[in-house]
C-alpha atoms as a PDB file:
ATOM      1  CA  MET A   1      16.302  67.910  39.410  1.00  0.00           C
ATOM      2  CA  ARG A   2      17.582  68.118  35.850  1.00  0.00           C
ATOM      3  CA  GLN A   3      17.833  71.436  33.995  1.00  0.00           C
ATOM      4  CA  GLU A   4      17.377  71.415  30.225  1.00  0.00           C
ATOM      5  CA  ALA A   5      19.303  73.985  28.200  1.00  0.00           C
ATOM      6  CA  GLY A   6      17.274  77.109  27.489  1.00  0.00           C
ATOM      7  CA  ARG A   7      14.514  76.281  29.968  1.00  0.00           C
ATOM      8  CA  GLY A   8      13.736  77.340  33.510  1.00  0.00           C
ATOM      9  CA  CYS A   9      15.410  80.060  35.526  1.00  0.00           C
ATOM     10  CA  PRO A  10      17.383  82.567  33.400  1.00  0.00           C
ATOM     11  CA  ALA A  11      20.218  82.546  35.961  1.00  0.00           C
ATOM     12  CA  ALA A  12      20.630  78.787  35.624  1.00  0.00           C
ATOM     13  CA  GLY A  13      23.093  79.249  32.779  1.00  0.00           C
ATOM     14  CA  ALA A  14      25.188  81.902  34.540  1.00  0.00           C
ATOM     15  CA  ALA A  15      28.905  81.209  34.437  1.00  0.00           C
ATOM     16  CA  GLY A  16      30.487  80.596  37.836  1.00  0.00           C
ATOM     17  CA  PRO A  17      29.184  81.250  41.311  1.00  0.00           C
ATOM     18  CA  SER A  18      27.664  84.577  42.251  1.00  0.00           C
ATOM     19  CA  PRO A  19      29.493  86.518  44.960  1.00  0.00           C
ATOM     20  CA  GLN A  20      26.067  87.209  46.491  1.00  0.00           C
ATOM     21  CA  HIS A  21      24.527  83.763  46.158  1.00  0.00           C
ATOM     22  CA  ASN A  22      21.465  83.084  48.284  1.00  0.00           C
ATOM     23  CA  ARG A  23      20.456  86.742  48.111  1.00  0.00           C
ATOM     24  CA  ALA A  24      17.059  87.952  46.983  1.00  0.00           C
ATOM     25  CA  HIS A  25      15.969  91.024  45.041  1.00  0.00           C
ATOM     26  CA  ALA A  26      12.590  92.348  46.127  1.00  0.00           C
ATOM     27  CA  ASP A  27      10.160  94.585  44.279  1.00  0.00           C
ATOM     28  CA  VAL A  28       7.565  96.138  46.590  1.00  0.00           C
ATOM     29  CA  TRP A  29       4.599  98.164  45.424  1.00  0.00           C
ATOM     30  CA  VAL A  30       2.846 100.436  47.912  1.00  0.00           C
ATOM     31  CA  PRO A  31       0.197 103.131  47.476  1.00  0.00           C
ATOM     32  CA  TYR A  32       1.787 106.496  46.667  1.00  0.00           C
ATOM     33  CA  ASP A  33       0.307 108.042  49.821  1.00  0.00           C
ATOM     34  CA  GLU A  34       2.243 105.469  51.902  1.00  0.00           C
ATOM     35  CA  ALA A  35       5.501 105.576  49.926  1.00  0.00           C
ATOM     36  CA  GLU A  36       7.258 108.323  51.917  1.00  0.00           C
ATOM     37  CA  ALA A  37       6.555 106.634  55.265  1.00  0.00           C
ATOM     38  CA  ARG A  38       7.682 103.233  53.945  1.00  0.00           C
ATOM     39  CA  MET A  39      10.832 104.788  52.505  1.00  0.00           C
ATOM     40  CA  ALA A  40      11.631 106.412  55.860  1.00  0.00           C
ATOM     41  CA  VAL A  41      11.310 103.033  57.584  1.00  0.00           C
ATOM     42  CA  ALA A  42      13.586 101.345  55.034  1.00  0.00           C
ATOM     43  CA  LEU A  43      16.242 104.062  55.397  1.00  0.00           C
ATOM     44  CA  ALA A  44      16.025 104.002  59.213  1.00  0.00           C
ATOM     45  CA  ALA A  45      16.606 100.246  59.090  1.00  0.00           C
ATOM     46  CA  GLY A  46      19.928 100.768  57.298  1.00  0.00           C
ATOM     47  CA  GLY A  47      18.795 100.928  53.691  1.00  0.00           C
ATOM     48  CA  ARG A  48      20.415 103.314  51.237  1.00  0.00           C
ATOM     49  CA  LEU A  49      18.656 105.097  48.394  1.00  0.00           C
ATOM     50  CA  VAL A  50      20.421 104.309  45.108  1.00  0.00           C
ATOM     51  CA  ASN A  51      18.107 105.975  42.578  1.00  0.00           C
ATOM     52  CA  ASP A  52      14.866 107.945  42.883  1.00  0.00           C
ATOM     53  CA  ALA A  53      14.769 109.512  39.417  1.00  0.00           C
ATOM     54  CA  ASP A  54      11.342 107.948  38.788  1.00  0.00           C
ATOM     55  CA  ALA A  55       9.877 108.545  42.272  1.00  0.00           C
ATOM     56  CA  PRO A  56       7.281 107.962  43.512  1.00  0.00           C
ATOM     57  CA  SER A  57       6.551 105.171  41.038  1.00  0.00           C
ATOM     58  CA  ASN A  58      10.003 103.586  41.314  1.00  0.00           C
ATOM     59  CA  ARG A  59      12.869 103.916  43.790  1.00  0.00           C
ATOM     60  CA  VAL A  60      15.895 101.644  44.012  1.00  0.00           C
ATOM     61  CA  LEU A  61      17.338 100.850  47.423  1.00  0.00           C
ATOM     62  CA  THR A  62      20.124  98.653  48.725  1.00  0.00           C
ATOM     63  CA  ASP A  63      20.650  97.184  52.158  1.00  0.00           C
ATOM     64  CA  PRO A  64      23.930  97.025  54.094  1.00  0.00           C
ATOM     65  CA  GLY A  65      24.499  93.489  52.761  1.00  0.00           C
ATOM     66  CA  GLY A  66      24.369  94.637  49.150  1.00  0.00           C
ATOM     67  CA  PRO A  67      21.174  93.281  47.549  1.00  0.00           C
ATOM     68  CA  THR A  68      18.960  95.841  45.839  1.00  0.00           C
ATOM     69  CA  GLY A  69      15.222  96.195  45.800  1.00  0.00           C
ATOM     70  CA  ARG A  70      12.651  98.490  44.257  1.00  0.00           C
ATOM     71  CA  MET A  71       9.799 100.342  45.909  1.00  0.00           C
ATOM     72  CA  GLY A  72       7.096 101.937  43.868  1.00  0.00           C
END
């Protein structure tokens, strides 16, 4: 597959390899009335809350491996 300059994935032009290559960032939207229970499950599974300044519409978490995700 050939990549043309300025087209496709924004990360395609990133300089050098990423130290966390093959990692995914997930954004998950859940109903507000389910958010606390879902957050408890994520934290019990080893997740860590990074930022909840905009809770319950947006919370940033990270897992033990480093990738972040958002729940809102």
